[in-house]
Structures are given as C-alpha cells and as structure tokens.
Amino acid sequence: MENIKEVTLQLENVNEVNGKMKTTHVTYKGMNPDAEDAKLLEAGKAIGSLMEDTPETIYAVKRVELKA
C-alpha cells in the first residue's frame, strides 16, 4: 500500500504569447491524501471552471514516502 504524504492539484494551460507557446500552471496544495482520483479530478474541474481560461490538463501529484 502506498504511503501518500501529500497531494497537489496542478492545472495547466498552454497559450500562444507573442508567437510562442507558453505553458502556465496553477497549483493547489493540501488536497486530502485519502481522496480518490475521481474526486481529485472533480475538484480540479470545479476550480478550473472559476478560471478565466479553462485548464487543458489537470494533474494530481502525489508525494509518496518510500521505505527500504
């Protein structure tokens, strides 16, 4: 079983700025480490719906403690 210590949601947008593609990220820390992936996606979509530019990609970054 994974020992998840921290979950961060990362919302990503790619936009053209002055003829170049620019990637921007908005990060939300402190998500519940016990939350299921479907719930994290739901939270990411809810947050993204409040943004001016709807995120193209939503990541759940899980920090897992590895023990030998």
Protein backbone atom coordinates (compact mmCIF):
# COMPACT_ATOMS: atom_id res chain seq x y z
CA MET A 1 0.00 0.00 0.00
CA GLU A 2 1.26 3.47 -0.88
CA ASN A 3 2.14 5.84 1.91
CA ILE A 4 0.89 9.08 0.33
CA LYS A 5 2.10 12.07 2.34
CA GLU A 6 0.83 14.96 0.20
CA VAL A 7 -1.39 15.54 -2.83
CA THR A 8 -1.16 18.63 -5.01
CA LEU A 9 -3.51 19.56 -7.86
CA GLN A 10 -1.88 21.21 -10.83
CA LEU A 11 -3.96 22.86 -13.56
CA GLU A 12 -2.16 23.51 -16.85
CA ASN A 13 -2.85 25.84 -19.77
CA VAL A 14 -0.92 26.31 -23.00
CA ASN A 15 -1.39 29.66 -24.75
CA GLU A 16 0.27 31.48 -27.61
CA VAL A 17 2.06 34.63 -26.44
CA ASN A 18 3.91 36.76 -28.99
CA GLY A 19 4.01 33.86 -31.44
CA LYS A 20 5.43 31.40 -28.90
CA MET A 21 3.66 28.69 -26.92
CA LYS A 22 3.68 29.36 -23.20
CA THR A 23 2.67 26.85 -20.53
CA THR A 24 1.25 28.13 -17.25
CA HIS A 25 0.47 26.14 -14.13
CA VAL A 26 -1.77 26.89 -11.16
CA THR A 27 -1.02 24.71 -8.14
CA TYR A 28 -3.21 23.89 -5.15
CA LYS A 29 -1.54 22.17 -2.21
CA GLY A 30 -3.12 20.46 0.74
CA MET A 31 -5.53 18.13 -1.02
CA ASN A 32 -6.73 15.19 1.06
CA PRO A 33 -4.20 12.34 0.62
CA ASP A 34 -7.03 9.83 1.03
CA ALA A 35 -9.11 11.33 -1.81
CA GLU A 36 -9.78 9.06 -4.78
CA ASP A 37 -8.57 10.14 -8.23
CA ALA A 38 -12.16 10.76 -9.42
CA LYS A 39 -12.72 13.18 -6.53
CA LEU A 40 -9.44 14.99 -7.26
CA LEU A 41 -10.48 15.35 -10.90
CA GLU A 42 -13.87 16.68 -9.81
CA ALA A 43 -12.15 19.24 -7.56
CA GLY A 44 -9.79 20.26 -10.37
CA LYS A 45 -12.69 20.77 -12.78
CA ALA A 46 -14.58 22.83 -10.19
CA ILE A 47 -11.57 25.06 -9.59
CA GLY A 48 -10.89 25.30 -13.33
CA SER A 49 -14.46 26.42 -14.01
CA LEU A 50 -13.75 29.55 -11.95
CA MET A 51 -10.69 30.47 -14.01
CA GLU A 52 -10.73 32.82 -16.99
CA ASP A 53 -9.06 30.18 -19.20
CA THR A 54 -10.33 26.65 -18.57
CA PRO A 55 -7.36 24.34 -17.89
CA GLU A 56 -6.42 21.94 -20.67
CA THR A 57 -4.86 19.39 -18.32
CA ILE A 58 -5.34 18.56 -14.63
CA TYR A 59 -2.66 16.67 -12.72
CA ALA A 60 -2.78 15.09 -9.27
CA VAL A 61 0.79 15.00 -7.99
CA LYS A 62 1.17 12.50 -5.17
CA ARG A 63 4.17 12.61 -2.87
CA VAL A 64 4.81 9.08 -1.63
CA GLU A 65 7.22 8.11 1.13
CA LEU A 66 9.43 5.23 0.03
CA LYS A 67 10.92 2.98 2.67
CA ALA A 68 13.67 0.42 2.22
